[in-house]
Amino acid sequence: MTPHVTFRQMQVFVAVAREGTVVAAARRLSLSQSATSQALSDLERQLGIDLFERLGRRLRLNDLGRHLLPRAERLLDGMAEFVAAAQEPEGDLQGTLNISASTTIGTYLLPPLAGHFSNQHPGVDLRLRLRNTGEVITDLLRFDADIGMIEGQCHESRLTSEAWCQDQLVIVCSPLHPLSGKAWLDDADLAATPWILREAGSGTREIFEAAVLHRVERLQVRMELSQHEAIKQAVKAGFGLGCLSRLSVAGELERGELVALESGLELSRMFSLLWHPDRYRSPLWQAFKVFSLEYPRWLG
């Protein structure tokens, strides 16, 4: 039967061999004298041998003990290296990270962010999923994603969230729309005009409705579309007003293809990072999270 030798017993053996007494070894290991003495006795009993010559309170290695000490020291050194490697792996980051991001982030922020991160860590495989906010949350709950990025706040108590960066929604219309020249949208405009909006479950839709339904009882939703580009094309064609992240319409506003309308609605929001607290957060996960938190500062 193989002896059951513990890591603590090996530590005690090496400490007693180096210090010469149980009292000094106990002090070195922050153990009680009785626990140290018991661990040494248990080790010798498990092995069926004596490792020390007892000279009063002093203990001196016998020939077998001197022969085994270097091996015990190598085992302890190997364990220390194992723990250090687990806490901070050597060399470049390696591995796969599954990222689930809601549409605005996944389309306009995540690709350049992931590209810069991959350039710094070429051994990393980033796998990106473009989802709506509800689907991002589902991915995390099912352990299908390591980290999530959503528009707005997370209301799922089983997940951990952290504010990431700020975004601004903007109401837009075609330059030919009757409201395009109006300085301010009043409540009647908001209620009477057809809208082209994201689908239910999207962060953009949730933020917009939370703001506008304080002022009007009901909206005329003409279309629900899951892609920013489809919404922009419908708005350009004059089918109604849209509400999208300024990130997604910056180019169209600059070129005069869309017009931004003022309404007084509170349409700012925070993007959030999400993760499941029970999922393993690897060094790669930690590095990507830190990089993501720093990235918005690069953008000014």
C-alpha atoms as a PDB file:
ATOM      1  CA  MET A   1       0.000   0.000   0.000  1.00  0.00           C
ATOM      2  CA  THR A   2       1.411   3.408  -1.005  1.00  0.00           C
ATOM      3  CA  PRO A   3       2.085   5.690   2.010  1.00  0.00           C
ATOM      4  CA  HIS A   4      -0.164   8.751   2.218  1.00  0.00           C
ATOM      5  CA  VAL A   5       2.332  11.599   2.481  1.00  0.00           C
ATOM      6  CA  THR A   6       0.912  15.139   2.641  1.00  0.00           C
ATOM      7  CA  PHE A   7       2.339  18.430   1.448  1.00  0.00           C
ATOM      8  CA  ARG A   8       2.275  19.732   5.046  1.00  0.00           C
ATOM      9  CA  GLN A   9       4.345  16.759   6.233  1.00  0.00           C
ATOM     10  CA  MET A  10       6.942  17.475   3.575  1.00  0.00           C
ATOM     11  CA  GLN A  11       7.084  21.129   4.650  1.00  0.00           C
ATOM     12  CA  VAL A  12       7.610  20.088   8.272  1.00  0.00           C
ATOM     13  CA  PHE A  13      10.357  17.603   7.346  1.00  0.00           C
ATOM     14  CA  VAL A  14      12.302  20.244   5.408  1.00  0.00           C
ATOM     15  CA  ALA A  15      11.764  22.937   8.053  1.00  0.00           C
ATOM     16  CA  VAL A  16      12.930  20.694  10.914  1.00  0.00           C
ATOM     17  CA  ALA A  17      15.952  19.615   8.864  1.00  0.00           C
ATOM     18  CA  ARG A  18      16.904  23.261   8.239  1.00  0.00           C
ATOM     19  CA  GLU A  19      16.118  24.645  11.704  1.00  0.00           C
ATOM     20  CA  GLY A  20      17.257  21.724  13.860  1.00  0.00           C
ATOM     21  CA  THR A  21      14.365  21.795  16.337  1.00  0.00           C
ATOM     22  CA  VAL A  22      10.605  21.348  16.230  1.00  0.00           C
ATOM     23  CA  VAL A  23      10.126  24.672  18.036  1.00  0.00           C
ATOM     24  CA  ALA A  24      12.081  26.622  15.407  1.00  0.00           C
ATOM     25  CA  ALA A  25      10.378  24.761  12.534  1.00  0.00           C
ATOM     26  CA  ALA A  26       6.948  25.509  14.013  1.00  0.00           C
ATOM     27  CA  ARG A  27       7.832  29.201  14.211  1.00  0.00           C
ATOM     28  CA  ARG A  28       9.029  29.170  10.577  1.00  0.00           C
ATOM     29  CA  LEU A  29       5.821  27.551   9.353  1.00  0.00           C
ATOM     30  CA  SER A  30       3.481  29.527  11.655  1.00  0.00           C
ATOM     31  CA  LEU A  31       2.237  26.290  13.205  1.00  0.00           C
ATOM     32  CA  SER A  32       1.850  25.167  16.794  1.00  0.00           C
ATOM     33  CA  GLN A  33       4.635  23.035  18.245  1.00  0.00           C
ATOM     34  CA  SER A  34       2.274  20.126  18.760  1.00  0.00           C
ATOM     35  CA  ALA A  35       0.992  20.260  15.159  1.00  0.00           C
ATOM     36  CA  THR A  36       4.561  20.340  13.839  1.00  0.00           C
ATOM     37  CA  SER A  37       5.658  17.433  16.018  1.00  0.00           C
ATOM     38  CA  GLN A  38       2.565  15.430  15.021  1.00  0.00           C
ATOM     39  CA  ALA A  39       3.149  16.032  11.294  1.00  0.00           C
ATOM     40  CA  LEU A  40       6.744  14.798  11.565  1.00  0.00           C
ATOM     41  CA  SER A  41       5.702  11.719  13.534  1.00  0.00           C
ATOM     42  CA  ASP A  42       2.959  10.964  10.992  1.00  0.00           C
ATOM     43  CA  LEU A  43       5.452  11.238   8.117  1.00  0.00           C
ATOM     44  CA  GLU A  44       7.898   8.816   9.712  1.00  0.00           C
ATOM     45  CA  ARG A  45       5.056   6.427  10.555  1.00  0.00           C
ATOM     46  CA  GLN A  46       3.686   6.558   6.990  1.00  0.00           C
ATOM     47  CA  LEU A  47       7.132   5.821   5.563  1.00  0.00           C
ATOM     48  CA  GLY A  48       7.985   3.261   8.237  1.00  0.00           C
ATOM     49  CA  ILE A  49      11.405   4.857   8.844  1.00  0.00           C
ATOM     50  CA  ASP A  50      13.197   7.327  11.104  1.00  0.00           C
ATOM     51  CA  LEU A  51      14.549  10.428   9.389  1.00  0.00           C
ATOM     52  CA  PHE A  52      16.238  12.053  12.373  1.00  0.00           C
ATOM     53  CA  GLU A  53      18.474  11.217  15.286  1.00  0.00           C
ATOM     54  CA  ARG A  54      16.956  12.638  18.478  1.00  0.00           C
ATOM     55  CA  LEU A  55      19.508  14.465  20.632  1.00  0.00           C
ATOM     56  CA  GLY A  56      17.402  15.939  23.397  1.00  0.00           C
ATOM     57  CA  ARG A  57      15.342  18.714  21.831  1.00  0.00           C
ATOM     58  CA  ARG A  58      17.572  18.874  18.797  1.00  0.00           C
ATOM     59  CA  LEU A  59      16.981  16.685  15.776  1.00  0.00           C
ATOM     60  CA  ARG A  60      19.737  15.780  13.356  1.00  0.00           C
ATOM     61  CA  LEU A  61      19.164  14.081  10.023  1.00  0.00           C
ATOM     62  CA  ASN A  62      20.322  10.491   9.839  1.00  0.00           C
ATOM     63  CA  ASP A  63      21.911   9.117   6.665  1.00  0.00           C
ATOM     64  CA  LEU A  64      18.560   8.294   5.070  1.00  0.00           C
ATOM     65  CA  GLY A  65      17.156  11.688   6.016  1.00  0.00           C
ATOM     66  CA  ARG A  66      20.140  13.459   4.422  1.00  0.00           C
ATOM     67  CA  HIS A  67      19.618  11.380   1.281  1.00  0.00           C
ATOM     68  CA  LEU A  68      15.913  12.263   1.055  1.00  0.00           C
ATOM     69  CA  LEU A  69      16.151  15.971   1.949  1.00  0.00           C
ATOM     70  CA  PRO A  70      17.185  17.232  -1.554  1.00  0.00           C
ATOM     71  CA  ARG A  71      14.271  15.357  -3.107  1.00  0.00           C
ATOM     72  CA  ALA A  72      11.832  16.865  -0.598  1.00  0.00           C
ATOM     73  CA  GLU A  73      13.226  20.341  -1.314  1.00  0.00           C
ATOM     74  CA  ARG A  74      12.794  19.821  -5.057  1.00  0.00           C
ATOM     75  CA  LEU A  75       9.196  18.728  -4.515  1.00  0.00           C
ATOM     76  CA  LEU A  76       8.440  21.864  -2.481  1.00  0.00           C
ATOM     77  CA  ASP A  77      10.174  24.078  -5.054  1.00  0.00           C
ATOM     78  CA  GLY A  78       8.150  22.402  -7.792  1.00  0.00           C
ATOM     79  CA  MET A  79       4.931  23.060  -5.905  1.00  0.00           C
ATOM     80  CA  ALA A  80       5.873  26.737  -5.483  1.00  0.00           C
ATOM     81  CA  GLU A  81       6.546  26.978  -9.221  1.00  0.00           C
ATOM     82  CA  PHE A  82       3.227  25.273  -9.934  1.00  0.00           C
ATOM     83  CA  VAL A  83       1.316  27.805  -7.810  1.00  0.00           C
ATOM     84  CA  ALA A  84       3.176  30.747  -9.385  1.00  0.00           C
ATOM     85  CA  ALA A  85       2.481  29.468 -12.900  1.00  0.00           C
ATOM     86  CA  ALA A  86      -1.207  29.052 -12.105  1.00  0.00           C
ATOM     87  CA  GLN A  87      -1.440  32.619 -10.823  1.00  0.00           C
ATOM     88  CA  GLU A  88       0.539  34.224 -13.641  1.00  0.00           C
ATOM     89  CA  PRO A  89       1.444  31.957 -16.600  1.00  0.00           C
ATOM     90  CA  GLU A  90       4.814  32.502 -18.193  1.00  0.00           C
ATOM     91  CA  GLY A  91       5.203  33.877 -21.687  1.00  0.00           C
ATOM     92  CA  ASP A  92       2.559  35.247 -24.037  1.00  0.00           C
ATOM     93  CA  LEU A  93      -1.140  34.851 -23.349  1.00  0.00           C
ATOM     94  CA  GLN A  94      -2.662  31.775 -24.957  1.00  0.00           C
ATOM     95  CA  GLY A  95      -6.132  30.322 -25.268  1.00  0.00           C
ATOM     96  CA  THR A  96      -9.641  31.039 -26.479  1.00  0.00           C
ATOM     97  CA  LEU A  97     -12.047  33.680 -25.195  1.00  0.00           C
ATOM     98  CA  ASN A  98     -15.721  33.627 -26.163  1.00  0.00           C
ATOM     99  CA  ILE A  99     -17.217  37.123 -26.214  1.00  0.00           C
ATOM    100  CA  SER A 100     -20.925  37.804 -26.628  1.00  0.00           C
ATOM    101  CA  ALA A 101     -21.725  41.433 -27.480  1.00  0.00           C
ATOM    102  CA  SER A 102     -24.934  43.306 -28.184  1.00  0.00           C
ATOM    103  CA  THR A 103     -25.364  44.734 -31.646  1.00  0.00           C
ATOM    104  CA  THR A 104     -24.109  48.316 -31.266  1.00  0.00           C
ATOM    105  CA  ILE A 105     -20.996  47.250 -29.365  1.00  0.00           C
ATOM    106  CA  GLY A 106     -20.401  44.215 -31.550  1.00  0.00           C
ATOM    107  CA  THR A 107     -20.639  46.263 -34.736  1.00  0.00           C
ATOM    108  CA  TYR A 108     -18.898  49.530 -33.877  1.00  0.00           C
ATOM    109  CA  LEU A 109     -16.655  49.031 -30.825  1.00  0.00           C
ATOM    110  CA  LEU A 110     -15.699  45.382 -30.487  1.00  0.00           C
ATOM    111  CA  PRO A 111     -14.013  44.773 -33.882  1.00  0.00           C
ATOM    112  CA  PRO A 112     -11.306  47.456 -33.451  1.00  0.00           C
ATOM    113  CA  LEU A 113     -10.941  46.611 -29.747  1.00  0.00           C
ATOM    114  CA  ALA A 114     -10.475  42.915 -30.528  1.00  0.00           C
ATOM    115  CA  GLY A 115      -8.106  43.748 -33.360  1.00  0.00           C
ATOM    116  CA  HIS A 116      -5.820  45.826 -31.157  1.00  0.00           C
ATOM    117  CA  PHE A 117      -5.878  43.184 -28.417  1.00  0.00           C
ATOM    118  CA  SER A 118      -5.071  40.392 -30.895  1.00  0.00           C
ATOM    119  CA  ASN A 119      -2.160  42.393 -32.314  1.00  0.00           C
ATOM    120  CA  GLN A 120      -0.674  42.575 -28.826  1.00  0.00           C
ATOM    121  CA  HIS A 121      -1.384  38.889 -28.090  1.00  0.00           C
ATOM    122  CA  PRO A 122      -1.122  36.894 -31.341  1.00  0.00           C
ATOM    123  CA  GLY A 123      -1.499  33.551 -29.547  1.00  0.00           C
ATOM    124  CA  VAL A 124      -5.034  34.401 -28.448  1.00  0.00           C
ATOM    125  CA  ASP A 125      -8.191  33.246 -30.225  1.00  0.00           C
ATOM    126  CA  LEU A 126     -11.067  35.706 -29.721  1.00  0.00           C
ATOM    127  CA  ARG A 127     -14.439  34.330 -30.787  1.00  0.00           C
ATOM    128  CA  LEU A 128     -17.077  37.045 -31.123  1.00  0.00           C
ATOM    129  CA  ARG A 129     -20.855  36.630 -31.128  1.00  0.00           C
ATOM    130  CA  LEU A 130     -23.188  39.424 -32.217  1.00  0.00           C
ATOM    131  CA  ARG A 131     -26.425  39.221 -30.186  1.00  0.00           C
ATOM    132  CA  ASN A 132     -29.079  41.403 -28.617  1.00  0.00           C
ATOM    133  CA  THR A 133     -28.884  42.152 -24.902  1.00  0.00           C
ATOM    134  CA  GLY A 134     -31.259  39.367 -23.869  1.00  0.00           C
ATOM    135  CA  GLU A 135     -29.285  36.818 -25.876  1.00  0.00           C
ATOM    136  CA  VAL A 136     -25.976  37.994 -24.375  1.00  0.00           C
ATOM    137  CA  ILE A 137     -27.387  37.352 -20.909  1.00  0.00           C
ATOM    138  CA  THR A 138     -28.603  33.909 -21.977  1.00  0.00           C
ATOM    139  CA  ASP A 139     -25.160  33.049 -23.390  1.00  0.00           C
ATOM    140  CA  LEU A 140     -23.531  33.925 -20.069  1.00  0.00           C
ATOM    141  CA  LEU A 141     -26.060  31.993 -17.995  1.00  0.00           C
ATOM    142  CA  ARG A 142     -25.520  28.910 -20.161  1.00  0.00           C
ATOM    143  CA  PHE A 143     -21.718  29.282 -19.985  1.00  0.00           C
ATOM    144  CA  ASP A 144     -21.640  29.734 -23.763  1.00  0.00           C
ATOM    145  CA  ALA A 145     -19.673  32.973 -23.345  1.00  0.00           C
ATOM    146  CA  ASP A 146     -16.830  34.012 -21.055  1.00  0.00           C
ATOM    147  CA  ILE A 147     -17.630  37.707 -21.062  1.00  0.00           C
ATOM    148  CA  GLY A 148     -20.533  39.813 -22.301  1.00  0.00           C
ATOM    149  CA  MET A 149     -20.852  43.409 -23.458  1.00  0.00           C
ATOM    150  CA  ILE A 150     -24.261  45.047 -23.432  1.00  0.00           C
ATOM    151  CA  GLU A 151     -25.941  48.422 -23.895  1.00  0.00           C
ATOM    152  CA  GLY A 152     -27.475  49.660 -20.669  1.00  0.00           C
ATOM    153  CA  GLN A 153     -27.687  47.859 -17.347  1.00  0.00           C
ATOM    154  CA  CYS A 154     -28.051  44.174 -16.571  1.00  0.00           C
ATOM    155  CA  HIS A 155     -31.097  43.244 -14.488  1.00  0.00           C
ATOM    156  CA  GLU A 156     -30.110  39.564 -14.134  1.00  0.00           C
ATOM    157  CA  SER A 157     -29.086  39.013 -10.505  1.00  0.00           C
ATOM    158  CA  ARG A 158     -27.147  35.839 -11.308  1.00  0.00           C
ATOM    159  CA  LEU A 159     -24.576  37.793 -13.314  1.00  0.00           C
ATOM    160  CA  THR A 160     -21.933  40.306 -12.271  1.00  0.00           C
ATOM    161  CA  SER A 161     -21.781  43.584 -14.185  1.00  0.00           C
ATOM    162  CA  GLU A 162     -19.442  46.565 -14.322  1.00  0.00           C
ATOM    163  CA  ALA A 163     -19.971  49.936 -15.996  1.00  0.00           C
ATOM    164  CA  TRP A 164     -17.746  50.245 -19.046  1.00  0.00           C
ATOM    165  CA  CYS A 165     -18.173  53.435 -21.100  1.00  0.00           C
ATOM    166  CA  GLN A 166     -20.862  55.962 -21.961  1.00  0.00           C
ATOM    167  CA  ASP A 167     -22.915  56.101 -25.145  1.00  0.00           C
ATOM    168  CA  GLN A 168     -25.486  58.554 -26.480  1.00  0.00           C
ATOM    169  CA  LEU A 169     -28.593  57.647 -28.453  1.00  0.00           C
ATOM    170  CA  VAL A 170     -29.845  60.090 -31.053  1.00  0.00           C
ATOM    171  CA  ILE A 171     -33.177  60.435 -32.838  1.00  0.00           C
ATOM    172  CA  VAL A 172     -32.667  60.652 -36.596  1.00  0.00           C
ATOM    173  CA  CYS A 173     -34.736  61.212 -39.708  1.00  0.00           C
ATOM    174  CA  SER A 174     -34.300  61.691 -43.428  1.00  0.00           C
ATOM    175  CA  PRO A 175     -33.343  65.218 -44.595  1.00  0.00           C
ATOM    176  CA  LEU A 176     -36.603  65.138 -46.573  1.00  0.00           C
ATOM    177  CA  HIS A 177     -38.787  64.182 -43.580  1.00  0.00           C
ATOM    178  CA  PRO A 178     -41.335  66.880 -42.562  1.00  0.00           C
ATOM    179  CA  LEU A 179     -39.753  67.099 -39.097  1.00  0.00           C
ATOM    180  CA  SER A 180     -36.188  67.490 -40.342  1.00  0.00           C
ATOM    181  CA  GLY A 181     -36.239  71.269 -40.008  1.00  0.00           C
ATOM    182  CA  LYS A 182     -37.964  71.377 -36.634  1.00  0.00           C
ATOM    183  CA  ALA A 183     -35.829  72.655 -33.766  1.00  0.00           C
ATOM    184  CA  TRP A 184     -37.556  70.562 -31.084  1.00  0.00           C
ATOM    185  CA  LEU A 185     -39.753  67.464 -31.037  1.00  0.00           C
ATOM    186  CA  ASP A 186     -42.725  67.957 -28.721  1.00  0.00           C
ATOM    187  CA  ASP A 187     -44.913  65.253 -27.217  1.00  0.00           C
ATOM    188  CA  ALA A 188     -47.350  65.386 -30.135  1.00  0.00           C
ATOM    189  CA  ASP A 189     -44.503  64.768 -32.587  1.00  0.00           C
ATOM    190  CA  LEU A 190     -43.244  61.799 -30.569  1.00  0.00           C
ATOM    191  CA  ALA A 191     -46.723  60.251 -30.409  1.00  0.00           C
ATOM    192  CA  ALA A 192     -47.898  60.890 -33.972  1.00  0.00           C
ATOM    193  CA  THR A 193     -44.793  60.012 -35.998  1.00  0.00           C
ATOM    194  CA  PRO A 194     -44.089  56.453 -37.210  1.00  0.00           C
ATOM    195  CA  TRP A 195     -40.969  54.892 -35.727  1.00  0.00           C
ATOM    196  CA  ILE A 196     -38.420  52.406 -37.049  1.00  0.00           C
ATOM    197  CA  LEU A 197     -36.967  50.717 -33.971  1.00  0.00           C
ATOM    198  CA  ARG A 198     -34.795  47.840 -32.826  1.00  0.00           C
ATOM    199  CA  GLU A 199     -36.526  44.639 -31.781  1.00  0.00           C
ATOM    200  CA  ALA A 200     -37.805  44.039 -28.246  1.00  0.00           C
ATOM    201  CA  GLY A 201     -34.985  42.713 -26.068  1.00  0.00           C
ATOM    202  CA  SER A 202     -32.352  45.061 -27.460  1.00  0.00           C
ATOM    203  CA  GLY A 203     -30.606  47.524 -25.161  1.00  0.00           C
ATOM    204  CA  THR A 204     -31.258  50.412 -27.561  1.00  0.00           C
ATOM    205  CA  ARG A 205     -34.996  49.737 -27.561  1.00  0.00           C
ATOM    206  CA  GLU A 206     -35.114  49.437 -23.764  1.00  0.00           C
ATOM    207  CA  ILE A 207     -33.350  52.773 -23.188  1.00  0.00           C
ATOM    208  CA  PHE A 208     -35.450  54.601 -25.784  1.00  0.00           C
ATOM    209  CA  GLU A 209     -38.784  53.329 -24.474  1.00  0.00           C
ATOM    210  CA  ALA A 210     -37.824  54.039 -20.864  1.00  0.00           C
ATOM    211  CA  ALA A 211     -37.218  57.677 -21.859  1.00  0.00           C
ATOM    212  CA  VAL A 212     -40.047  58.336 -24.314  1.00  0.00           C
ATOM    213  CA  LEU A 213     -42.909  56.542 -22.541  1.00  0.00           C
ATOM    214  CA  HIS A 214     -42.639  59.028 -19.684  1.00  0.00           C
ATOM    215  CA  ARG A 215     -43.906  61.646 -22.123  1.00  0.00           C
ATOM    216  CA  VAL A 216     -46.264  59.781 -24.443  1.00  0.00           C
ATOM    217  CA  GLU A 217     -48.599  56.918 -23.712  1.00  0.00           C
ATOM    218  CA  ARG A 218     -48.011  54.983 -26.905  1.00  0.00           C
ATOM    219  CA  LEU A 219     -45.694  54.968 -29.913  1.00  0.00           C
ATOM    220  CA  GLN A 220     -46.533  54.248 -33.539  1.00  0.00           C
ATOM    221  CA  VAL A 221     -43.975  51.536 -34.251  1.00  0.00           C
ATOM    222  CA  ARG A 222     -43.997  51.011 -38.002  1.00  0.00           C
ATOM    223  CA  MET A 223     -41.100  48.535 -38.204  1.00  0.00           C
ATOM    224  CA  GLU A 224     -38.984  46.476 -35.797  1.00  0.00           C
ATOM    225  CA  LEU A 225     -35.598  45.573 -37.262  1.00  0.00           C
ATOM    226  CA  SER A 226     -32.652  43.778 -35.697  1.00  0.00           C
ATOM    227  CA  GLN A 227     -29.869  45.458 -37.682  1.00  0.00           C
ATOM    228  CA  HIS A 228     -28.683  49.058 -37.517  1.00  0.00           C
ATOM    229  CA  GLU A 229     -28.076  49.195 -41.256  1.00  0.00           C
ATOM    230  CA  ALA A 230     -31.645  48.121 -42.019  1.00  0.00           C
ATOM    231  CA  ILE A 231     -33.020  50.789 -39.673  1.00  0.00           C
ATOM    232  CA  LYS A 232     -30.835  53.472 -41.239  1.00  0.00           C
ATOM    233  CA  GLN A 233     -31.959  52.539 -44.749  1.00  0.00           C
ATOM    234  CA  ALA A 234     -35.630  52.630 -43.728  1.00  0.00           C
ATOM    235  CA  VAL A 235     -35.178  56.014 -42.061  1.00  0.00           C
ATOM    236  CA  LYS A 236     -33.287  57.383 -45.076  1.00  0.00           C
ATOM    237  CA  ALA A 237     -36.201  56.269 -47.247  1.00  0.00           C
ATOM    238  CA  GLY A 238     -38.550  58.403 -45.149  1.00  0.00           C
ATOM    239  CA  PHE A 239     -40.571  55.623 -43.507  1.00  0.00           C
ATOM    240  CA  GLY A 240     -40.237  57.138 -40.022  1.00  0.00           C
ATOM    241  CA  LEU A 241     -37.932  58.283 -37.266  1.00  0.00           C
ATOM    242  CA  GLY A 242     -35.235  56.090 -35.753  1.00  0.00           C
ATOM    243  CA  CYS A 243     -33.329  56.089 -32.499  1.00  0.00           C
ATOM    244  CA  LEU A 244     -29.811  54.687 -32.666  1.00  0.00           C
ATOM    245  CA  SER A 245     -26.435  55.033 -31.021  1.00  0.00           C
ATOM    246  CA  ARG A 246     -24.523  58.072 -32.219  1.00  0.00           C
ATOM    247  CA  LEU A 247     -21.671  55.633 -32.910  1.00  0.00           C
ATOM    248  CA  SER A 248     -23.771  53.931 -35.565  1.00  0.00           C
ATOM    249  CA  VAL A 249     -24.925  57.088 -37.402  1.00  0.00           C
ATOM    250  CA  ALA A 250     -21.841  59.314 -37.110  1.00  0.00           C
ATOM    251  CA  GLY A 251     -20.942  58.862 -40.768  1.00  0.00           C
ATOM    252  CA  GLU A 252     -24.468  59.488 -42.058  1.00  0.00           C
ATOM    253  CA  LEU A 253     -24.836  62.627 -39.927  1.00  0.00           C
ATOM    254  CA  GLU A 254     -21.517  63.988 -41.162  1.00  0.00           C
ATOM    255  CA  ARG A 255     -22.457  63.358 -44.797  1.00  0.00           C
ATOM    256  CA  GLY A 256     -25.936  64.865 -44.384  1.00  0.00           C
ATOM    257  CA  GLU A 257     -27.695  61.565 -45.165  1.00  0.00           C
ATOM    258  CA  LEU A 258     -29.486  61.695 -41.807  1.00  0.00           C
ATOM    259  CA  VAL A 259     -30.537  64.574 -39.554  1.00  0.00           C
ATOM    260  CA  ALA A 260     -30.345  64.507 -35.744  1.00  0.00           C
ATOM    261  CA  LEU A 261     -33.458  65.807 -33.948  1.00  0.00           C
ATOM    262  CA  GLU A 262     -33.581  67.367 -30.480  1.00  0.00           C
ATOM    263  CA  SER A 263     -36.261  66.107 -28.107  1.00  0.00           C
ATOM    264  CA  GLY A 264     -35.147  66.705 -24.530  1.00  0.00           C
ATOM    265  CA  LEU A 265     -35.263  62.964 -23.861  1.00  0.00           C
ATOM    266  CA  GLU A 266     -32.606  61.487 -21.581  1.00  0.00           C
ATOM    267  CA  LEU A 267     -30.963  59.133 -24.043  1.00  0.00           C
ATOM    268  CA  SER A 268     -27.510  58.638 -22.556  1.00  0.00           C
ATOM    269  CA  ARG A 269     -26.570  55.179 -21.337  1.00  0.00           C
ATOM    270  CA  MET A 270     -23.673  53.145 -20.069  1.00  0.00           C
ATOM    271  CA  PHE A 271     -22.262  50.136 -21.815  1.00  0.00           C
ATOM    272  CA  SER A 272     -21.631  47.297 -19.355  1.00  0.00           C
ATOM    273  CA  LEU A 273     -19.296  44.332 -19.072  1.00  0.00           C
ATOM    274  CA  LEU A 274     -20.946  41.149 -17.784  1.00  0.00           C
ATOM    275  CA  TRP A 275     -19.735  37.775 -16.556  1.00  0.00           C
ATOM    276  CA  HIS A 276     -20.946  34.783 -14.596  1.00  0.00           C
ATOM    277  CA  PRO A 277     -19.332  34.763 -11.127  1.00  0.00           C
ATOM    278  CA  ASP A 278     -19.058  30.957 -11.172  1.00  0.00           C
ATOM    279  CA  ARG A 279     -17.191  30.798 -14.478  1.00  0.00           C
ATOM    280  CA  TYR A 280     -13.390  30.482 -14.398  1.00  0.00           C
ATOM    281  CA  ARG A 281     -11.724  33.820 -15.123  1.00  0.00           C
ATOM    282  CA  SER A 282      -8.413  32.953 -16.716  1.00  0.00           C
ATOM    283  CA  PRO A 283      -5.382  35.247 -17.060  1.00  0.00           C
ATOM    284  CA  LEU A 284      -6.561  35.813 -20.643  1.00  0.00           C
ATOM    285  CA  TRP A 285      -9.997  36.844 -19.336  1.00  0.00           C
ATOM    286  CA  GLN A 286      -8.378  39.224 -16.849  1.00  0.00           C
ATOM    287  CA  ALA A 287      -6.121  40.764 -19.508  1.00  0.00           C
ATOM    288  CA  PHE A 288      -9.002  41.300 -21.941  1.00  0.00           C
ATOM    289  CA  LYS A 289     -11.176  42.910 -19.253  1.00  0.00           C
ATOM    290  CA  VAL A 290      -8.405  45.342 -18.260  1.00  0.00           C
ATOM    291  CA  PHE A 291      -7.737  46.135 -21.934  1.00  0.00           C
ATOM    292  CA  SER A 292     -11.465  46.745 -22.556  1.00  0.00           C
ATOM    293  CA  LEU A 293     -11.730  49.143 -19.613  1.00  0.00           C
ATOM    294  CA  GLU A 294      -8.751  51.118 -20.919  1.00  0.00           C
ATOM    295  CA  TYR A 295      -9.849  51.113 -24.576  1.00  0.00           C
ATOM    296  CA  PRO A 296     -12.477  53.925 -24.427  1.00  0.00           C
ATOM    297  CA  ARG A 297      -9.746  56.304 -23.204  1.00  0.00           C
ATOM    298  CA  TRP A 298      -7.881  55.689 -26.433  1.00  0.00           C
ATOM    299  CA  LEU A 299     -10.928  56.939 -28.303  1.00  0.00           C
ATOM    300  CA  GLY A 300     -10.966  60.189 -26.355  1.00  0.00           C
END
